[in-house]
């Protein structure tokens, strides 16, 4: 039965891809929800900052623009009022960007390269890493679109030198056969409508597809450094 489901999914992907072969582009807006941030930090000194970070993060959105060859995933910055323009809010705004988004991501599929823009405006150029997604038969409907669950295991070595692996869960819609998603999470046979990345969840709240049209993706202009150069600079500080 499981094998049959996998075959049916594959056939669905194939049919959809053929049917949507024409030029298309789109804009997706994701609502952000940060849950559980700072719960393990019992230091009262950071309590107020953590609470402010969560509050600001949950008022942010992320905008994904894409065409047939490029995409941009940009966090829509939180705008503080004059009354709340203080050191705590500025720190929390910066933390909310880093925790939920890490960096804005501009992807070129043809060259398989990307430009990351961090919270300070630094531009880092890198090779785009192809993600090894595990597609499952688990499904649910999001905003009227049938979506399937995919898992990517983010493997890394922590500060103690221990190998770790954190599952990143994406829900993608085969009927929207555009292999993009928020941040750097690309490569699935369908648009990602929900993404669970550690403590942050991205929910698609606006889906605008323009078939037969190619919108322009504006890559940031300015001096770029390589990922290696940026990492050395961070380590030396």
C-alpha atoms as a PDB file:
ATOM      1  CA  UNK A   1       0.000   0.000   0.000  1.00  0.00           C
ATOM      2  CA  UNK A   2       2.823   2.380   0.915  1.00  0.00           C
ATOM      3  CA  UNK A   3       4.579   1.648  -2.372  1.00  0.00           C
ATOM      4  CA  UNK A   4       1.357   2.376  -4.258  1.00  0.00           C
ATOM      5  CA  UNK A   5       1.029   5.742  -2.520  1.00  0.00           C
ATOM      6  CA  UNK A   6       4.574   6.685  -3.489  1.00  0.00           C
ATOM      7  CA  UNK A   7       3.904   5.749  -7.125  1.00  0.00           C
ATOM      8  CA  UNK A   8       0.704   7.807  -7.122  1.00  0.00           C
ATOM      9  CA  UNK A   9       2.558  10.813  -5.701  1.00  0.00           C
ATOM     10  CA  UNK A  10       5.263  10.481  -8.351  1.00  0.00           C
ATOM     11  CA  UNK A  11       2.662  10.362 -11.125  1.00  0.00           C
ATOM     12  CA  UNK A  12       0.933  13.409  -9.660  1.00  0.00           C
ATOM     13  CA  UNK A  13       4.223  15.324  -9.647  1.00  0.00           C
ATOM     14  CA  UNK A  14       4.921  14.334 -13.258  1.00  0.00           C
ATOM     15  CA  UNK A  15       1.494  15.347 -14.521  1.00  0.00           C
ATOM     16  CA  UNK A  16       1.530  18.630 -12.661  1.00  0.00           C
ATOM     17  CA  UNK A  17       5.013  19.516 -13.927  1.00  0.00           C
ATOM     18  CA  UNK A  18       3.930  18.912 -17.512  1.00  0.00           C
ATOM     19  CA  UNK A  19       0.780  20.972 -17.050  1.00  0.00           C
ATOM     20  CA  UNK A  20       2.620  23.938 -15.566  1.00  0.00           C
ATOM     21  CA  UNK A  21       5.600  24.039 -17.880  1.00  0.00           C
ATOM     22  CA  UNK A  22       4.879  27.614 -18.958  1.00  0.00           C
ATOM     23  CA  UNK A  23       6.649  30.686 -17.643  1.00  0.00           C
ATOM     24  CA  UNK A  24       5.505  31.696 -14.199  1.00  0.00           C
ATOM     25  CA  UNK A  25       6.570  33.758 -11.236  1.00  0.00           C
ATOM     26  CA  UNK A  26       5.044  34.658  -7.925  1.00  0.00           C
ATOM     27  CA  UNK A  27       5.036  36.350  -4.561  1.00  0.00           C
ATOM     28  CA  UNK A  28       4.393  34.489  -1.320  1.00  0.00           C
ATOM     29  CA  UNK A  29       4.056  36.180   2.059  1.00  0.00           C
ATOM     30  CA  UNK A  30       4.714  34.083   5.163  1.00  0.00           C
ATOM     31  CA  UNK A  31       3.587  34.898   8.678  1.00  0.00           C
ATOM     32  CA  UNK A  32       6.250  34.070  11.233  1.00  0.00           C
ATOM     33  CA  UNK A  33       5.662  32.419  14.588  1.00  0.00           C
ATOM     34  CA  UNK A  34       8.473  31.970  17.089  1.00  0.00           C
ATOM     35  CA  UNK A  35       7.640  29.518  19.882  1.00  0.00           C
ATOM     36  CA  UNK A  36       9.768  28.376  22.802  1.00  0.00           C
ATOM     37  CA  UNK A  37      12.594  30.851  22.283  1.00  0.00           C
ATOM     38  CA  UNK A  38      14.590  31.448  25.470  1.00  0.00           C
ATOM     39  CA  UNK A  39      12.687  28.952  27.618  1.00  0.00           C
ATOM     40  CA  UNK A  40      15.909  27.165  28.525  1.00  0.00           C
ATOM     41  CA  UNK A  41      17.583  30.392  29.598  1.00  0.00           C
ATOM     42  CA  UNK A  42      16.618  30.933  33.230  1.00  0.00           C
ATOM     43  CA  UNK A  43      18.844  34.004  33.652  1.00  0.00           C
ATOM     44  CA  UNK A  44      16.500  36.867  34.683  1.00  0.00           C
ATOM     45  CA  UNK A  45      18.885  39.290  32.981  1.00  0.00           C
ATOM     46  CA  UNK A  46      17.767  37.972  29.570  1.00  0.00           C
ATOM     47  CA  UNK A  47      14.065  37.462  30.368  1.00  0.00           C
ATOM     48  CA  UNK A  48      12.962  40.885  29.143  1.00  0.00           C
ATOM     49  CA  UNK A  49      15.100  40.668  25.993  1.00  0.00           C
ATOM     50  CA  UNK A  50      13.799  37.177  25.143  1.00  0.00           C
ATOM     51  CA  UNK A  51      10.182  38.253  25.617  1.00  0.00           C
ATOM     52  CA  UNK A  52      10.707  41.329  23.438  1.00  0.00           C
ATOM     53  CA  UNK A  53      12.415  39.188  20.771  1.00  0.00           C
ATOM     54  CA  UNK A  54       9.469  36.791  20.602  1.00  0.00           C
ATOM     55  CA  UNK A  55       6.960  39.665  20.485  1.00  0.00           C
ATOM     56  CA  UNK A  56       8.763  41.371  17.610  1.00  0.00           C
ATOM     57  CA  UNK A  57       9.428  38.119  15.725  1.00  0.00           C
ATOM     58  CA  UNK A  58       5.737  37.245  15.780  1.00  0.00           C
ATOM     59  CA  UNK A  59       4.866  40.574  14.152  1.00  0.00           C
ATOM     60  CA  UNK A  60       7.183  39.967  11.213  1.00  0.00           C
ATOM     61  CA  UNK A  61       6.537  38.516   7.784  1.00  0.00           C
ATOM     62  CA  UNK A  62       8.831  37.029   5.141  1.00  0.00           C
ATOM     63  CA  UNK A  63       8.324  37.714   1.426  1.00  0.00           C
ATOM     64  CA  UNK A  64       9.368  35.176  -1.206  1.00  0.00           C
ATOM     65  CA  UNK A  65       9.584  36.409  -4.808  1.00  0.00           C
ATOM     66  CA  UNK A  66      10.496  34.019  -7.590  1.00  0.00           C
ATOM     67  CA  UNK A  67      10.632  33.460 -11.329  1.00  0.00           C
ATOM     68  CA  UNK A  68      11.796  30.483 -13.397  1.00  0.00           C
ATOM     69  CA  UNK A  69      15.488  30.908 -12.496  1.00  0.00           C
ATOM     70  CA  UNK A  70      15.809  33.148  -9.427  1.00  0.00           C
ATOM     71  CA  UNK A  71      14.266  33.813  -6.047  1.00  0.00           C
ATOM     72  CA  UNK A  72      14.591  36.137  -3.083  1.00  0.00           C
ATOM     73  CA  UNK A  73      13.520  35.467   0.486  1.00  0.00           C
ATOM     74  CA  UNK A  74      13.504  38.673   2.525  1.00  0.00           C
ATOM     75  CA  UNK A  75      12.396  39.330   6.077  1.00  0.00           C
ATOM     76  CA  UNK A  76      10.096  42.331   6.236  1.00  0.00           C
ATOM     77  CA  UNK A  77      11.754  44.356   8.966  1.00  0.00           C
ATOM     78  CA  UNK A  78       9.859  45.290  12.099  1.00  0.00           C
ATOM     79  CA  UNK A  79       9.302  49.056  12.257  1.00  0.00           C
ATOM     80  CA  UNK A  80       9.385  50.391  15.795  1.00  0.00           C
ATOM     81  CA  UNK A  81       7.598  53.604  16.734  1.00  0.00           C
ATOM     82  CA  UNK A  82       9.353  56.623  18.236  1.00  0.00           C
ATOM     83  CA  UNK A  83       7.915  55.696  21.618  1.00  0.00           C
ATOM     84  CA  UNK A  84       9.554  52.260  21.625  1.00  0.00           C
ATOM     85  CA  UNK A  85      12.812  53.210  19.914  1.00  0.00           C
ATOM     86  CA  UNK A  86      15.083  52.221  22.771  1.00  0.00           C
ATOM     87  CA  UNK A  87      18.088  49.955  23.278  1.00  0.00           C
ATOM     88  CA  UNK A  88      16.005  46.937  24.302  1.00  0.00           C
ATOM     89  CA  UNK A  89      13.772  47.116  21.215  1.00  0.00           C
ATOM     90  CA  UNK A  90      16.729  47.629  18.886  1.00  0.00           C
ATOM     91  CA  UNK A  91      18.498  44.597  20.377  1.00  0.00           C
ATOM     92  CA  UNK A  92      15.327  42.495  20.235  1.00  0.00           C
ATOM     93  CA  UNK A  93      14.707  43.514  16.604  1.00  0.00           C
ATOM     94  CA  UNK A  94      18.210  42.397  15.663  1.00  0.00           C
ATOM     95  CA  UNK A  95      17.808  39.132  17.594  1.00  0.00           C
ATOM     96  CA  UNK A  96      14.417  38.467  15.973  1.00  0.00           C
ATOM     97  CA  UNK A  97      16.019  38.806  12.524  1.00  0.00           C
ATOM     98  CA  UNK A  98      18.880  36.466  13.377  1.00  0.00           C
ATOM     99  CA  UNK A  99      16.806  33.831  15.186  1.00  0.00           C
ATOM    100  CA  UNK A 100      14.000  33.567  12.626  1.00  0.00           C
ATOM    101  CA  UNK A 101      15.739  34.407   9.369  1.00  0.00           C
ATOM    102  CA  UNK A 102      19.525  34.381   9.893  1.00  0.00           C
ATOM    103  CA  UNK A 103      19.962  36.266   6.595  1.00  0.00           C
ATOM    104  CA  UNK A 104      17.989  37.327   3.541  1.00  0.00           C
ATOM    105  CA  UNK A 105      18.635  34.856   0.724  1.00  0.00           C
ATOM    106  CA  UNK A 106      18.933  35.540  -3.016  1.00  0.00           C
ATOM    107  CA  UNK A 107      19.208  32.427  -5.175  1.00  0.00           C
ATOM    108  CA  UNK A 108      20.229  32.007  -8.826  1.00  0.00           C
ATOM    109  CA  UNK A 109      19.302  28.545 -10.089  1.00  0.00           C
ATOM    110  CA  UNK A 110      21.315  28.689 -13.332  1.00  0.00           C
ATOM    111  CA  UNK A 111      24.658  29.372 -11.629  1.00  0.00           C
ATOM    112  CA  UNK A 112      23.657  27.521  -8.446  1.00  0.00           C
ATOM    113  CA  UNK A 113      24.915  30.451  -6.383  1.00  0.00           C
ATOM    114  CA  UNK A 114      23.343  32.578  -3.706  1.00  0.00           C
ATOM    115  CA  UNK A 115      23.907  35.902  -1.967  1.00  0.00           C
ATOM    116  CA  UNK A 116      23.131  36.151   1.727  1.00  0.00           C
ATOM    117  CA  UNK A 117      22.479  39.552   3.334  1.00  0.00           C
ATOM    118  CA  UNK A 118      22.883  39.631   7.097  1.00  0.00           C
ATOM    119  CA  UNK A 119      21.295  42.023   9.585  1.00  0.00           C
ATOM    120  CA  UNK A 120      24.184  44.478   9.177  1.00  0.00           C
ATOM    121  CA  UNK A 121      23.849  44.562   5.408  1.00  0.00           C
ATOM    122  CA  UNK A 122      26.947  42.454   4.724  1.00  0.00           C
ATOM    123  CA  UNK A 123      26.734  40.480   1.472  1.00  0.00           C
ATOM    124  CA  UNK A 124      28.086  36.931   1.406  1.00  0.00           C
ATOM    125  CA  UNK A 125      28.272  35.018  -1.887  1.00  0.00           C
ATOM    126  CA  UNK A 126      28.199  31.229  -1.722  1.00  0.00           C
ATOM    127  CA  UNK A 127      27.495  28.043  -3.626  1.00  0.00           C
ATOM    128  CA  UNK A 128      23.891  27.009  -3.030  1.00  0.00           C
ATOM    129  CA  UNK A 129      23.823  23.682  -1.225  1.00  0.00           C
ATOM    130  CA  UNK A 130      21.364  21.158  -2.622  1.00  0.00           C
ATOM    131  CA  UNK A 131      19.266  19.860   0.249  1.00  0.00           C
ATOM    132  CA  UNK A 132      18.660  16.147   0.681  1.00  0.00           C
ATOM    133  CA  UNK A 133      14.912  16.099   1.314  1.00  0.00           C
ATOM    134  CA  UNK A 134      13.043  12.983   2.434  1.00  0.00           C
ATOM    135  CA  UNK A 135       9.549  13.138   0.946  1.00  0.00           C
ATOM    136  CA  UNK A 136       6.865  11.287   2.899  1.00  0.00           C
ATOM    137  CA  UNK A 137       3.308  10.219   2.094  1.00  0.00           C
ATOM    138  CA  UNK A 138       1.926  12.262   5.009  1.00  0.00           C
ATOM    139  CA  UNK A 139      -0.335  15.025   3.729  1.00  0.00           C
ATOM    140  CA  UNK A 140      -2.608  17.851   4.802  1.00  0.00           C
ATOM    141  CA  UNK A 141      -4.516  20.685   3.127  1.00  0.00           C
ATOM    142  CA  UNK A 142      -3.162  24.238   3.505  1.00  0.00           C
ATOM    143  CA  UNK A 143      -5.291  27.091   2.170  1.00  0.00           C
ATOM    144  CA  UNK A 144      -7.028  24.698  -0.223  1.00  0.00           C
ATOM    145  CA  UNK A 145      -3.801  23.132  -1.530  1.00  0.00           C
ATOM    146  CA  UNK A 146      -2.952  19.477  -0.914  1.00  0.00           C
ATOM    147  CA  UNK A 147       0.516  19.450   0.634  1.00  0.00           C
ATOM    148  CA  UNK A 148       2.979  16.681   1.425  1.00  0.00           C
ATOM    149  CA  UNK A 149       5.473  16.545   4.249  1.00  0.00           C
ATOM    150  CA  UNK A 150       9.215  16.561   3.545  1.00  0.00           C
ATOM    151  CA  UNK A 151      12.062  16.432   6.044  1.00  0.00           C
ATOM    152  CA  UNK A 152      15.598  17.758   5.772  1.00  0.00           C
ATOM    153  CA  UNK A 153      18.100  16.837   8.478  1.00  0.00           C
ATOM    154  CA  UNK A 154      20.428  19.748   9.194  1.00  0.00           C
ATOM    155  CA  UNK A 155      23.674  18.122  10.331  1.00  0.00           C
ATOM    156  CA  UNK A 156      26.335  20.079  12.178  1.00  0.00           C
ATOM    157  CA  UNK A 157      28.938  19.918  14.937  1.00  0.00           C
ATOM    158  CA  UNK A 158      28.048  21.870  18.062  1.00  0.00           C
ATOM    159  CA  UNK A 159      30.403  23.871  20.272  1.00  0.00           C
ATOM    160  CA  UNK A 160      31.218  20.770  22.295  1.00  0.00           C
ATOM    161  CA  UNK A 161      32.362  18.942  19.163  1.00  0.00           C
ATOM    162  CA  UNK A 162      29.346  16.633  19.123  1.00  0.00           C
ATOM    163  CA  UNK A 163      27.618  15.709  15.848  1.00  0.00           C
ATOM    164  CA  UNK A 164      24.026  16.919  15.850  1.00  0.00           C
ATOM    165  CA  UNK A 165      21.120  16.590  13.461  1.00  0.00           C
ATOM    166  CA  UNK A 166      17.999  18.767  13.569  1.00  0.00           C
ATOM    167  CA  UNK A 167      14.945  17.902  11.432  1.00  0.00           C
ATOM    168  CA  UNK A 168      13.515  20.737   9.323  1.00  0.00           C
ATOM    169  CA  UNK A 169       9.938  20.005   8.212  1.00  0.00           C
ATOM    170  CA  UNK A 170       8.412  21.461   5.060  1.00  0.00           C
ATOM    171  CA  UNK A 171       4.898  21.113   3.675  1.00  0.00           C
ATOM    172  CA  UNK A 172       4.883  21.618  -0.101  1.00  0.00           C
ATOM    173  CA  UNK A 173       2.132  21.766  -2.719  1.00  0.00           C
ATOM    174  CA  UNK A 174       2.710  19.663  -5.896  1.00  0.00           C
ATOM    175  CA  UNK A 175      -0.044  21.652  -7.641  1.00  0.00           C
ATOM    176  CA  UNK A 176       2.251  24.684  -7.351  1.00  0.00           C
ATOM    177  CA  UNK A 177       5.311  23.105  -9.029  1.00  0.00           C
ATOM    178  CA  UNK A 178       7.838  25.802  -8.192  1.00  0.00           C
ATOM    179  CA  UNK A 179      10.787  24.537  -6.172  1.00  0.00           C
ATOM    180  CA  UNK A 180      11.120  27.467  -3.801  1.00  0.00           C
ATOM    181  CA  UNK A 181      10.505  28.252  -0.158  1.00  0.00           C
ATOM    182  CA  UNK A 182      11.468  30.681   2.604  1.00  0.00           C
ATOM    183  CA  UNK A 183      15.119  31.237   3.502  1.00  0.00           C
ATOM    184  CA  UNK A 184      17.393  28.789   1.658  1.00  0.00           C
ATOM    185  CA  UNK A 185      14.918  25.900   1.677  1.00  0.00           C
ATOM    186  CA  UNK A 186      14.538  25.117  -2.020  1.00  0.00           C
ATOM    187  CA  UNK A 187      14.531  22.055  -4.258  1.00  0.00           C
ATOM    188  CA  UNK A 188      11.224  20.349  -3.532  1.00  0.00           C
ATOM    189  CA  UNK A 189       8.784  19.471  -6.387  1.00  0.00           C
ATOM    190  CA  UNK A 190       6.332  22.082  -5.160  1.00  0.00           C
ATOM    191  CA  UNK A 191       6.115  25.431  -3.407  1.00  0.00           C
ATOM    192  CA  UNK A 192       6.639  25.320   0.371  1.00  0.00           C
ATOM    193  CA  UNK A 193       3.533  26.651   2.122  1.00  0.00           C
ATOM    194  CA  UNK A 194       4.639  25.845   5.674  1.00  0.00           C
ATOM    195  CA  UNK A 195       8.109  25.425   7.141  1.00  0.00           C
ATOM    196  CA  UNK A 196       9.105  24.370  10.665  1.00  0.00           C
ATOM    197  CA  UNK A 197      12.707  25.424  11.242  1.00  0.00           C
ATOM    198  CA  UNK A 198      13.673  24.797  14.872  1.00  0.00           C
ATOM    199  CA  UNK A 199      11.645  27.283  16.962  1.00  0.00           C
ATOM    200  CA  UNK A 200      10.376  29.215  13.940  1.00  0.00           C
ATOM    201  CA  UNK A 201       7.413  28.378  11.727  1.00  0.00           C
ATOM    202  CA  UNK A 202       6.632  30.107   8.425  1.00  0.00           C
ATOM    203  CA  UNK A 203       2.966  30.064   7.344  1.00  0.00           C
ATOM    204  CA  UNK A 204       2.010  31.156   3.812  1.00  0.00           C
ATOM    205  CA  UNK A 205      -0.779  33.727   4.219  1.00  0.00           C
ATOM    206  CA  UNK A 206      -0.755  35.197   0.698  1.00  0.00           C
ATOM    207  CA  UNK A 207      -0.086  33.234  -2.500  1.00  0.00           C
ATOM    208  CA  UNK A 208       0.105  35.158  -5.777  1.00  0.00           C
ATOM    209  CA  UNK A 209       1.100  33.235  -8.919  1.00  0.00           C
ATOM    210  CA  UNK A 210       1.601  35.098 -12.209  1.00  0.00           C
ATOM    211  CA  UNK A 211       1.538  32.606 -15.070  1.00  0.00           C
ATOM    212  CA  UNK A 212       3.025  33.745 -18.351  1.00  0.00           C
ATOM    213  CA  UNK A 213       4.941  36.519 -16.545  1.00  0.00           C
ATOM    214  CA  UNK A 214       8.516  36.780 -15.278  1.00  0.00           C
ATOM    215  CA  UNK A 215       8.951  39.234 -12.433  1.00  0.00           C
ATOM    216  CA  UNK A 216      12.432  40.640 -11.887  1.00  0.00           C
ATOM    217  CA  UNK A 217      14.346  39.507  -8.806  1.00  0.00           C
ATOM    218  CA  UNK A 218      16.426  42.357  -7.410  1.00  0.00           C
ATOM    219  CA  UNK A 219      19.689  41.039  -6.043  1.00  0.00           C
ATOM    220  CA  UNK A 220      21.402  43.377  -3.553  1.00  0.00           C
ATOM    221  CA  UNK A 221      24.090  45.605  -5.013  1.00  0.00           C
ATOM    222  CA  UNK A 222      27.427  46.112  -3.335  1.00  0.00           C
ATOM    223  CA  UNK A 223      30.676  44.382  -2.482  1.00  0.00           C
ATOM    224  CA  UNK A 224      30.360  40.686  -1.686  1.00  0.00           C
ATOM    225  CA  UNK A 225      32.718  38.404   0.210  1.00  0.00           C
ATOM    226  CA  UNK A 226      32.945  34.643   0.039  1.00  0.00           C
ATOM    227  CA  UNK A 227      31.460  32.420   2.729  1.00  0.00           C
ATOM    228  CA  UNK A 228      35.000  31.432   3.726  1.00  0.00           C
ATOM    229  CA  UNK A 229      36.114  35.068   4.093  1.00  0.00           C
ATOM    230  CA  UNK A 230      33.051  35.916   6.138  1.00  0.00           C
ATOM    231  CA  UNK A 231      33.507  32.910   8.430  1.00  0.00           C
ATOM    232  CA  UNK A 232      37.180  33.843   9.064  1.00  0.00           C
ATOM    233  CA  UNK A 233      36.170  37.399   9.907  1.00  0.00           C
ATOM    234  CA  UNK A 234      33.506  36.219  12.368  1.00  0.00           C
ATOM    235  CA  UNK A 235      35.929  33.787  14.035  1.00  0.00           C
ATOM    236  CA  UNK A 236      38.592  36.498  14.427  1.00  0.00           C
ATOM    237  CA  UNK A 237      36.234  38.924  16.204  1.00  0.00           C
END
